[in-house]
Protein backbone atom coordinates (compact mmCIF):
# COMPACT_ATOMS: atom_id res chain seq x y z
CA MET A 1 38.08 12.35 29.85
CA VAL A 2 39.49 13.07 26.40
CA ALA A 3 38.29 9.68 25.19
CA LEU A 4 34.81 10.32 26.58
CA ARG A 5 34.55 13.70 24.87
CA PHE A 6 35.73 12.14 21.62
CA ARG A 7 33.10 9.40 21.76
CA ILE A 8 30.36 11.96 22.49
CA LEU A 9 31.58 14.03 19.53
CA LEU A 10 31.40 10.95 17.31
CA VAL A 11 27.82 10.28 18.32
CA VAL A 12 26.89 13.89 17.57
CA ALA A 13 28.60 13.68 14.17
CA ALA A 14 26.76 10.45 13.35
CA LEU A 15 23.49 12.09 14.39
CA LEU A 16 24.21 15.01 12.05
CA ALA A 17 25.11 12.64 9.23
CA PHE A 18 22.07 10.38 9.40
CA GLY A 19 19.51 12.27 11.48
CA GLY A 20 17.70 13.31 8.32
CA ALA A 21 16.52 9.73 7.92
CA LEU A 22 13.86 10.49 10.55
CA TRP A 23 11.91 12.28 7.81
CA ALA A 24 12.21 9.42 5.31
CA PRO A 25 9.14 7.41 4.32
CA PHE A 26 9.00 3.65 4.14
CA GLN A 27 11.11 2.66 1.15
CA PHE A 28 11.39 -0.36 -1.12
CA ASP A 29 9.78 -3.32 0.71
CA ASP A 30 9.50 -1.56 4.10
CA PRO A 31 5.68 -1.27 3.70
CA SER A 32 5.49 -5.07 3.95
CA LEU A 33 5.78 -4.60 7.71
CA LEU A 34 2.36 -2.95 7.73
CA THR A 35 0.71 -5.85 5.90
CA ASP A 36 2.47 -8.69 7.69
CA VAL A 37 -0.35 -10.46 9.53
CA PRO A 38 1.64 -11.88 12.49
CA LEU A 39 3.42 -8.57 13.08
CA ASN A 40 0.10 -6.76 13.27
CA ALA A 41 -1.64 -9.36 15.46
CA PRO A 42 -1.83 -8.83 19.25
CA ALA A 43 -0.26 -12.27 19.83
CA GLY A 44 2.07 -12.02 16.86
CA TRP A 45 5.14 -12.11 19.11
CA ARG A 46 4.66 -15.87 19.36
CA HIS A 47 4.90 -16.35 15.59
CA VAL A 48 8.21 -14.50 15.26
CA PHE A 49 9.89 -17.32 17.17
CA SER A 50 8.50 -20.04 14.93
CA ALA A 51 10.90 -22.29 13.05
CA THR A 52 10.05 -20.67 9.73
CA GLN A 53 10.84 -17.09 10.79
CA SER A 54 14.38 -15.84 10.23
CA GLY A 55 15.75 -13.05 12.42
CA PRO A 56 13.20 -13.58 15.21
CA LEU A 57 14.70 -10.98 17.55
CA THR A 58 14.49 -8.32 14.85
CA TYR A 59 10.90 -9.20 14.03
CA LEU A 60 10.04 -9.12 17.71
CA SER A 61 11.34 -5.54 17.76
CA PHE A 62 9.15 -4.75 14.74
CA TRP A 63 6.15 -6.25 16.54
CA VAL A 64 6.81 -4.04 19.56
CA ASN A 65 7.31 -1.03 17.28
CA LEU A 66 3.95 -1.62 15.63
CA ARG A 67 2.25 -1.88 19.02
CA ILE A 68 3.49 1.65 19.73
CA SER A 69 3.11 3.29 16.34
CA ASP A 70 3.18 2.50 12.63
CA ALA A 71 4.54 5.95 11.70
CA PRO A 72 7.74 5.67 9.62
CA TRP A 73 9.67 8.10 11.84
CA THR A 74 9.34 5.76 14.83
CA PHE A 75 11.00 2.95 12.88
CA HIS A 76 13.72 5.29 11.66
CA LEU A 77 14.28 6.52 15.20
CA VAL A 78 15.00 2.98 16.38
CA SER A 79 17.45 2.47 13.50
CA LEU A 80 19.20 5.75 14.27
CA LEU A 81 19.50 4.91 17.98
CA LEU A 82 20.89 1.47 17.14
CA HIS A 83 23.53 3.04 14.91
CA LEU A 84 24.49 5.53 17.62
CA ALA A 85 24.81 2.64 20.08
CA CYS A 86 27.04 0.79 17.60
CA VAL A 87 29.18 3.91 17.20
CA TRP A 88 29.57 4.19 20.97
CA VAL A 89 30.59 0.54 21.42
CA ALA A 90 32.81 0.48 18.32
CA SER A 91 34.69 3.62 19.35
CA GLY A 92 35.46 2.06 22.74
CA LEU A 93 36.71 -1.11 21.05
CA PHE A 94 38.95 0.86 18.72
CA LEU A 95 40.50 2.61 21.72
CA GLU A 96 41.20 -0.79 23.27
CA LEU A 97 42.58 -2.47 20.15
CA LEU A 98 44.38 0.31 18.27
CA PRO A 99 46.87 3.11 18.90
CA VAL A 100 45.02 6.26 19.96
CA ARG A 101 45.26 8.21 16.69
CA ALA A 102 44.37 5.15 14.62
CA ALA A 103 41.40 4.53 16.92
CA TRP A 104 40.09 8.06 16.39
CA LEU A 105 40.33 7.72 12.61
CA ALA A 106 38.71 4.28 12.58
CA ALA A 107 35.86 5.39 14.81
CA ALA A 108 35.14 8.40 12.60
CA VAL A 109 34.99 6.24 9.47
CA PHE A 110 32.66 3.76 11.14
CA ALA A 111 30.46 6.50 12.60
CA PHE A 112 29.64 8.59 9.54
CA HIS A 113 31.01 7.06 6.35
CA PRO A 114 28.26 7.31 3.68
CA LEU A 115 28.58 3.55 3.16
CA GLN A 116 26.56 3.24 6.40
CA THR A 117 23.59 5.18 5.04
CA GLU A 118 21.58 2.26 3.69
CA ALA A 119 21.78 0.32 6.95
CA VAL A 120 20.51 3.35 8.89
CA ALA A 121 17.88 4.67 6.44
CA TYR A 122 16.37 1.37 5.27
CA VAL A 123 13.92 0.18 7.94
CA LEU A 124 14.25 -3.53 7.16
CA ALA A 125 18.01 -3.20 7.66
CA ARG A 126 17.31 -2.97 11.39
CA ALA A 127 18.38 -6.61 11.47
CA THR A 128 21.84 -5.58 10.31
CA LEU A 129 22.14 -2.88 12.97
CA LEU A 130 20.83 -5.04 15.79
CA ALA A 131 23.07 -7.98 14.91
CA ALA A 132 26.08 -5.69 14.58
CA LEU A 133 25.44 -4.15 17.99
CA PHE A 134 25.34 -7.56 19.67
CA CYS A 135 28.48 -8.64 17.78
CA LEU A 136 30.38 -5.54 18.88
CA LEU A 137 29.30 -6.11 22.48
CA SER A 138 30.34 -9.75 22.10
CA LEU A 139 33.77 -8.65 20.90
CA HIS A 140 34.08 -6.29 23.86
CA TYR A 141 33.37 -9.04 26.40
CA TRP A 142 35.61 -11.46 24.54
CA TRP A 143 38.52 -9.04 24.73
CA GLN A 144 37.81 -8.54 28.43
CA GLY A 145 38.10 -12.30 28.96
CA ARG A 146 34.40 -12.83 29.71
CA ARG A 147 33.94 -15.29 26.89
CA TRP A 148 30.70 -16.96 27.94
CA TRP A 149 29.09 -13.53 28.16
CA SER A 150 30.47 -13.03 24.67
CA PHE A 151 28.84 -16.28 23.60
CA GLY A 152 25.45 -15.20 24.93
CA LEU A 153 25.60 -11.88 23.12
CA PHE A 154 26.59 -13.64 19.91
CA LEU A 155 23.50 -15.83 20.23
CA CYS A 156 21.44 -12.64 20.36
CA ALA A 157 23.21 -11.44 17.22
CA LEU A 158 22.31 -14.66 15.42
CA LEU A 159 18.69 -14.27 16.50
CA ALA A 160 18.73 -10.77 15.03
CA LYS A 161 20.29 -11.75 11.69
CA GLU A 162 21.90 -15.04 10.71
CA GLU A 163 24.23 -13.19 8.33
CA VAL A 164 26.73 -12.66 11.19
CA ALA A 165 27.43 -16.41 11.35
CA ALA A 166 31.11 -15.87 10.44
CA PHE A 167 31.73 -13.61 13.46
CA PRO A 168 33.32 -16.45 15.52
CA LEU A 169 36.03 -16.68 12.85
CA LEU A 170 36.95 -13.08 13.61
CA LEU A 171 37.20 -13.86 17.32
CA ALA A 172 39.29 -16.96 16.59
CA LEU A 173 41.61 -14.93 14.38
CA LEU A 174 41.92 -12.27 17.09
CA GLU A 175 42.70 -14.87 19.73
CA TRP A 176 45.25 -16.63 17.52
CA SER A 177 46.98 -13.39 16.53
CA THR A 178 47.25 -12.03 20.08
CA ARG A 179 46.92 -14.17 23.19
CA ARG A 180 46.22 -17.79 22.17
CA ASN A 181 44.47 -18.55 25.45
CA ARG A 182 43.38 -22.20 25.69
CA GLN A 183 40.40 -21.20 27.80
CA ALA A 184 38.90 -19.61 24.69
CA VAL A 185 38.54 -22.96 22.90
CA TRP A 186 35.19 -24.09 24.29
CA PRO A 187 33.37 -20.75 23.96
CA ALA A 188 34.68 -20.57 20.39
CA VAL A 189 33.45 -24.09 19.68
CA ALA A 190 30.05 -23.21 21.16
CA MET A 191 29.85 -20.17 18.90
CA ALA A 192 30.74 -22.27 15.87
CA VAL A 193 28.01 -24.79 16.73
CA ALA A 194 25.52 -21.93 17.17
CA SER A 195 26.49 -20.55 13.75
CA LEU A 196 25.99 -23.95 12.18
CA GLY A 197 22.61 -24.28 13.87
CA ALA A 198 21.59 -20.83 12.65
CA GLY A 199 22.61 -21.78 9.12
CA LEU A 200 20.58 -25.00 9.21
CA ARG A 201 17.62 -23.13 10.64
CA THR A 202 17.83 -20.62 7.78
CA ILE A 203 17.89 -23.46 5.27
CA TYR A 204 14.78 -24.92 6.90
CA ALA A 205 13.01 -21.55 7.09
CA THR A 206 13.60 -20.67 3.44
CA GLY A 207 13.30 -24.17 2.04
CA SER A 208 16.73 -24.01 0.40
CA GLY A 209 18.84 -21.74 2.49
CA VAL A 210 18.76 -19.07 -0.19
CA GLY A 211 16.64 -16.17 -1.09
CA GLY A 212 18.51 -15.53 -4.25
CA PRO A 213 17.44 -13.72 -7.36
CA ALA A 214 15.72 -15.74 -10.05
CA GLY A 215 18.06 -17.40 -12.48
CA ILE A 216 21.14 -17.11 -10.26
CA THR A 217 22.77 -20.38 -9.31
CA SER A 218 25.07 -20.74 -6.32
CA PHE A 219 28.08 -20.84 -8.63
CA ASP A 220 27.01 -17.71 -10.52
CA TYR A 221 26.28 -15.87 -7.29
CA PHE A 222 29.69 -16.77 -5.88
CA SER A 223 31.48 -15.75 -9.07
CA TYR A 224 29.92 -12.28 -8.95
CA GLN A 225 30.78 -11.77 -5.29
CA GLY A 226 34.39 -10.97 -6.12
CA VAL A 227 33.16 -7.97 -8.08
CA ALA A 228 30.75 -7.07 -5.28
CA ILE A 229 33.50 -7.13 -2.64
CA LEU A 230 35.81 -4.98 -4.76
CA ARG A 231 32.90 -2.58 -5.22
CA TYR A 232 32.47 -2.35 -1.45
CA LEU A 233 36.17 -1.57 -1.04
CA GLN A 234 35.99 1.03 -3.80
CA LEU A 235 33.05 2.73 -2.05
CA LEU A 236 35.07 2.74 1.16
CA LEU A 237 38.05 4.45 -0.47
CA VAL A 238 36.15 6.62 -2.98
CA PRO A 239 32.71 7.27 -1.45
CA MET A 240 30.80 7.84 -4.69
CA GLY A 241 28.37 5.68 -6.66
CA PHE A 242 26.07 4.49 -3.88
CA THR A 243 22.81 2.89 -4.92
CA VAL A 244 20.10 0.76 -3.36
CA ASP A 245 20.22 -1.60 -6.36
CA ALA A 246 23.79 -2.16 -7.50
CA GLU A 247 24.62 -3.70 -10.87
CA VAL A 248 27.57 -6.10 -10.54
CA ARG A 249 27.11 -8.58 -13.39
CA VAL A 250 30.24 -8.76 -15.52
CA ALA A 251 31.88 -11.12 -18.01
CA PRO A 252 33.15 -14.42 -16.50
CA LEU A 253 36.78 -13.40 -17.08
CA MET A 254 36.30 -10.18 -15.11
CA ALA A 255 34.53 -12.09 -12.31
CA ALA A 256 37.46 -14.54 -12.07
CA LEU A 257 39.95 -11.67 -12.15
CA ALA A 258 38.12 -9.95 -9.28
CA TRP A 259 38.40 -13.06 -7.13
CA GLY A 260 42.06 -13.32 -8.09
CA VAL A 261 42.65 -9.81 -6.78
CA ILE A 262 40.90 -10.66 -3.51
CA VAL A 263 42.96 -13.84 -3.07
CA VAL A 264 46.16 -11.84 -3.58
CA ILE A 265 44.99 -9.26 -1.02
CA ALA A 266 44.21 -12.03 1.49
CA LEU A 267 47.60 -13.70 0.99
CA LEU A 268 49.42 -10.42 1.47
CA ALA A 269 47.31 -9.69 4.56
CA TRP A 270 48.20 -13.05 6.08
CA ARG A 271 51.84 -11.95 6.27
CA THR A 272 50.97 -9.19 8.76
CA VAL A 273 48.10 -10.84 10.61
CA ARG A 274 49.74 -11.02 14.03
CA ALA A 275 49.03 -8.67 16.94
CA ALA A 276 46.01 -7.07 15.23
CA GLN A 277 48.17 -5.41 12.59
CA PRO A 278 46.74 -4.23 9.21
CA GLY A 279 46.67 -7.76 7.81
CA PHE A 280 44.41 -8.86 10.63
CA TRP A 281 41.84 -6.21 9.82
CA VAL A 282 41.86 -7.07 6.12
CA LEU A 283 41.22 -10.75 6.82
CA GLY A 284 38.68 -9.90 9.49
CA GLY A 285 36.64 -7.77 7.11
CA LEU A 286 36.72 -10.44 4.42
CA LEU A 287 35.67 -13.10 6.94
CA LEU A 288 32.68 -11.05 8.03
CA LEU A 289 31.60 -10.75 4.40
CA LEU A 290 31.66 -14.53 3.93
CA PRO A 291 28.00 -15.35 4.75
CA SER A 292 26.63 -12.84 2.21
CA SER A 293 29.41 -13.35 -0.35
CA SER A 294 29.68 -17.10 -0.64
CA ILE A 295 27.80 -19.90 -2.43
CA PHE A 296 24.46 -19.14 -0.75
CA PRO A 297 22.66 -16.53 -2.88
CA ALA A 298 21.08 -13.64 -1.03
CA GLY A 299 18.25 -11.54 -2.43
CA ASP A 300 20.63 -9.23 -4.29
CA LEU A 301 24.07 -9.71 -5.74
CA ALA A 302 25.30 -6.70 -3.76
CA ALA A 303 23.88 -4.45 -1.04
CA ASP A 304 25.72 -1.63 0.71
CA ARG A 305 24.22 -2.55 4.09
CA ARG A 306 26.19 -5.84 4.06
CA MET A 307 29.31 -3.78 4.75
CA TYR A 308 27.98 -2.41 8.03
CA LEU A 309 29.70 -4.85 10.40
CA PRO A 310 32.70 -5.59 8.10
CA LEU A 311 33.30 -1.84 8.01
CA PHE A 312 34.38 -2.13 11.64
CA CYS A 313 37.44 -4.04 10.43
CA PHE A 314 38.05 -1.99 7.31
CA ALA A 315 37.74 1.23 9.33
CA ALA A 316 40.38 -0.10 11.70
CA LEU A 317 42.58 -0.83 8.69
CA PHE A 318 42.10 2.75 7.49
CA GLY A 319 43.05 4.06 10.92
CA MET A 320 46.21 1.96 11.07
CA LEU A 321 47.34 2.97 7.59
CA MET A 322 46.51 6.68 7.90
CA ARG A 323 47.47 7.40 11.50
CA LYS A 324 50.61 9.28 10.44
CA ALA A 325 48.93 11.33 7.70
CA ASN A 326 48.72 15.11 7.80
CA ALA A 327 46.13 16.26 10.34
CA ARG A 328 44.59 18.90 8.05
CA LEU A 329 44.18 16.33 5.30
CA LEU A 330 42.41 13.97 7.70
CA TRP A 331 40.12 16.69 9.02
CA GLY A 332 39.22 17.61 5.46
CA TYR A 333 38.49 13.99 4.62
CA GLY A 334 36.32 13.68 7.72
CA VAL A 335 34.29 16.77 6.81
CA LEU A 336 33.88 15.40 3.28
CA LEU A 337 32.57 12.07 4.61
CA LEU A 338 30.12 13.90 6.86
CA LEU A 339 28.77 16.04 4.01
CA LEU A 340 28.49 13.05 1.69
CA SER A 341 26.55 11.14 4.34
CA VAL A 342 24.13 14.04 4.76
CA ALA A 343 23.64 14.15 0.99
CA GLN A 344 23.20 10.38 0.72
CA THR A 345 20.65 10.41 3.54
CA ARG A 346 18.66 13.01 1.61
CA VAL A 347 18.41 10.55 -1.29
CA TRP A 348 16.34 8.30 0.98
CA LEU A 349 13.79 11.03 1.70
CA SER A 350 11.62 10.19 -1.33
CA PRO A 351 11.04 7.18 -3.61
CA GLU A 352 11.75 9.38 -6.64
CA SER A 353 15.25 10.35 -5.54
CA LEU A 354 16.08 6.85 -4.31
CA TRP A 355 15.12 5.07 -7.52
CA MET A 356 16.39 7.82 -9.82
CA GLU A 357 19.79 7.28 -8.26
CA ALA A 358 19.45 3.52 -8.69
CA ALA A 359 18.36 3.84 -12.33
CA ARG A 360 21.31 6.16 -13.01
CA HIS A 361 23.91 3.87 -11.48
CA SER A 362 22.38 0.60 -12.71
CA PRO A 363 21.12 1.29 -16.25
CA GLY A 364 21.08 -2.40 -17.12
CA LYS A 365 18.78 -3.44 -14.27
CA VAL A 366 15.01 -3.72 -14.53
CA ARG A 367 13.97 -3.25 -10.89
CA PRO A 368 14.97 0.44 -10.55
CA LYS A 369 12.92 1.26 -13.64
CA ARG A 370 9.90 -0.64 -12.32
CA GLN A 371 10.11 1.06 -8.94
CA LEU A 372 10.65 4.52 -10.40
CA ALA A 373 7.78 4.08 -12.88
CA ARG A 374 5.37 3.75 -9.95
CA VAL A 375 6.08 7.23 -8.60
CA VAL A 376 6.72 9.45 -11.64
CA HIS A 377 4.41 11.02 -14.22
CA PRO A 378 2.63 8.41 -16.38
CA LEU A 379 4.33 9.53 -19.61
CA GLN A 380 7.77 9.22 -18.03
CA ALA A 381 6.69 5.93 -16.48
CA VAL A 382 5.78 4.55 -19.94
CA GLU A 383 9.27 5.37 -21.22
CA LEU A 384 10.87 3.65 -18.23
CA MET A 385 8.75 0.52 -18.57
CA GLU A 386 9.30 0.30 -22.32
CA GLU A 387 13.01 0.32 -21.60
CA ALA A 388 12.47 -2.37 -18.95
CA LYS A 389 10.58 -4.39 -21.55
CA ARG A 390 13.55 -4.20 -23.90
CA LEU A 391 15.85 -5.40 -21.13
CA ALA A 392 13.54 -8.24 -20.01
CA PRO A 393 11.15 -9.11 -22.86
CA ASP A 394 10.18 -12.46 -21.30
CA ASP A 395 9.46 -11.16 -17.79
CA ALA A 396 5.75 -11.48 -17.04
CA ALA A 397 5.95 -9.11 -14.08
CA VAL A 398 7.45 -6.41 -16.31
CA ALA A 399 4.63 -6.90 -18.80
CA THR A 400 2.07 -6.52 -15.99
CA ASP A 401 3.73 -3.34 -14.71
CA LEU A 402 3.81 -1.93 -18.23
CA GLY A 403 0.10 -2.69 -18.54
CA LEU A 404 -0.60 -0.81 -15.32
CA THR A 405 1.50 2.08 -16.56
CA TYR A 406 -0.53 2.25 -19.77
CA LEU A 407 -3.72 2.32 -17.68
CA ARG A 408 -2.36 5.28 -15.73
CA ALA A 409 -1.50 6.99 -19.00
CA GLY A 410 -5.05 6.50 -20.31
CA LYS A 411 -4.20 3.85 -22.93
CA PRO A 412 -6.38 0.84 -22.01
CA GLU A 413 -5.96 -0.90 -25.37
CA LEU A 414 -2.18 -1.05 -24.94
CA ALA A 415 -2.63 -2.11 -21.30
CA LEU A 416 -4.84 -5.00 -22.42
CA GLY A 417 -2.15 -6.19 -24.81
CA GLU A 418 0.49 -6.18 -22.06
CA PHE A 419 -1.69 -8.10 -19.62
CA GLU A 420 -2.35 -10.66 -22.36
CA ARG A 421 1.38 -10.90 -23.02
CA ALA A 422 2.04 -11.40 -19.30
CA LEU A 423 -0.35 -14.34 -19.22
CA ARG A 424 1.32 -15.91 -22.22
CA LYS A 425 4.55 -15.85 -20.24
CA ASP A 426 2.93 -16.94 -16.96
CA PRO A 427 -0.66 -18.24 -17.24
CA CYS A 428 -1.07 -18.26 -13.45
CA LEU A 429 0.08 -14.68 -12.83
CA PHE A 430 -2.49 -13.29 -10.42
CA ASP A 431 -1.71 -9.59 -10.95
CA ALA A 432 -2.33 -9.86 -14.69
CA LEU A 433 -5.57 -11.81 -14.18
CA TRP A 434 -6.77 -9.36 -11.56
CA ASN A 435 -6.18 -6.35 -13.79
CA LEU A 436 -7.89 -8.04 -16.71
CA ARG A 437 -10.87 -8.67 -14.45
CA ARG A 438 -10.89 -4.95 -13.65
CA MET A 439 -11.15 -4.34 -17.41
CA SER A 440 -14.10 -6.79 -17.58
CA VAL A 441 -11.99 -9.42 -19.34
CA VAL A 442 -12.35 -12.86 -17.73
CA LYS A 443 -9.74 -15.47 -18.57
CA PRO A 444 -10.16 -19.20 -17.82
CA LEU A 445 -7.48 -20.58 -15.55
CA PRO A 446 -5.41 -23.52 -16.73
CA ALA A 447 -4.90 -26.56 -14.50
CA GLY A 448 -2.31 -26.17 -11.77
CA CYS A 449 -3.22 -22.62 -10.76
CA ALA A 450 -5.03 -23.43 -7.52
CA TRP A 451 -3.62 -20.50 -5.55
CA THR A 452 -4.44 -18.04 -8.32
CA LEU A 453 -7.94 -19.51 -8.56
CA ARG A 454 -8.51 -18.88 -4.87
CA GLN A 455 -7.27 -15.28 -5.21
CA THR A 456 -9.45 -14.56 -8.24
CA GLU A 457 -12.48 -15.93 -6.39
CA LEU A 458 -11.96 -13.17 -3.85
CA LEU A 459 -12.36 -10.62 -6.62
CA THR A 460 -16.05 -11.42 -6.91
CA GLN A 461 -16.70 -10.46 -3.31
CA PRO A 462 -18.56 -7.15 -2.90
CA GLY A 463 -16.48 -4.15 -1.95
CA LEU A 464 -13.19 -5.41 -3.43
CA SER A 465 -11.89 -2.59 -5.61
CA SER A 466 -8.13 -2.52 -5.25
CA ALA A 467 -5.28 -4.92 -5.73
CA PRO A 468 -4.02 -6.79 -2.70
């Protein structure tokens, strides 16, 4: 009964922490859901299971969501309910795997640490929540000895988001450090094969297996991941400095040093890996970070939402290490986490606050300035885009955005110059050509711009007055 009341209290606390996300608009690239043709087609559910669609189970849920409503709050409601479900399952697992006091602490950290905000408030992070829920259920059935049920749930997790491909390594580590049951071999092998298949399918769907940022090689991406992982751990211990667009580029020596620190942590953790002791949870968290922190570049060098499932392990580590701490200190820390989560959720309630925070924490990145320039006063937007131009003078997209900003500010002559500059950098850039056409300036297309030619032909159709 005490355990049940505690789990209900956790769910209520998580609802208080992140419930404000229900009033958030679509942020960042969330609006792409509304323009995705298959998702908005009556028979679009068939397309989400095509070989070129990653995360088909997640996109099926988006398709269903759009059949009901396209209001942002309905999408946020699903994300919030998924997080509450994860909290419920995770708290039960902690009670099974940890001493009681450690379980309570771990569950509280997982339920309402502000590091969870991005996964809950960002609509497209539904994939992270859905995959985590199936992984946690898979872990529950694995621990109960129902390993083929565990395998089936893990397949669902892979269909939600391929990023959980390393989850079988956590199960193998758990089995090795506790029971070493030979009956677990074949389900574990099946999970490994499924992970490999999901990885190959992702490579096929994306054409290269990566969706990485321009100019980032696999080696560069991997080198920066040491810094990204240490940043995640810092946010866990000192919950300050959250941003939707983290800046983690550092000098090569610092990147190597960061990986050196992680290797030392892993080696020390290996010494206490048995019987689900602290070392197990350290290695488990690092293993779960592998798919997004390896040689396969993701869309960003770092993203707070990637810590959602790994936080299950790091929260358990916190619980084990702090279970003997002073109760008043722990209650105070819990209240602090709750208040910080409420405050961080409020950041997601408007594009201005979200990208102001990103621009403040990542002054050397261009994207926060571009995003913020779209929602602030034109004069402030010009200042932001001029700064972006200084940071990325050869970026054609930045030049186009600066041109649009000048148009908003009533300076068409400066806008014309920026669109011209964009085309010198990228002669096939459709946005620049389209905006020049709006200004009655027609530019001939060079050879090799077939797609852009087709798009510009559409501009001549009657009734077309806004950019696609």
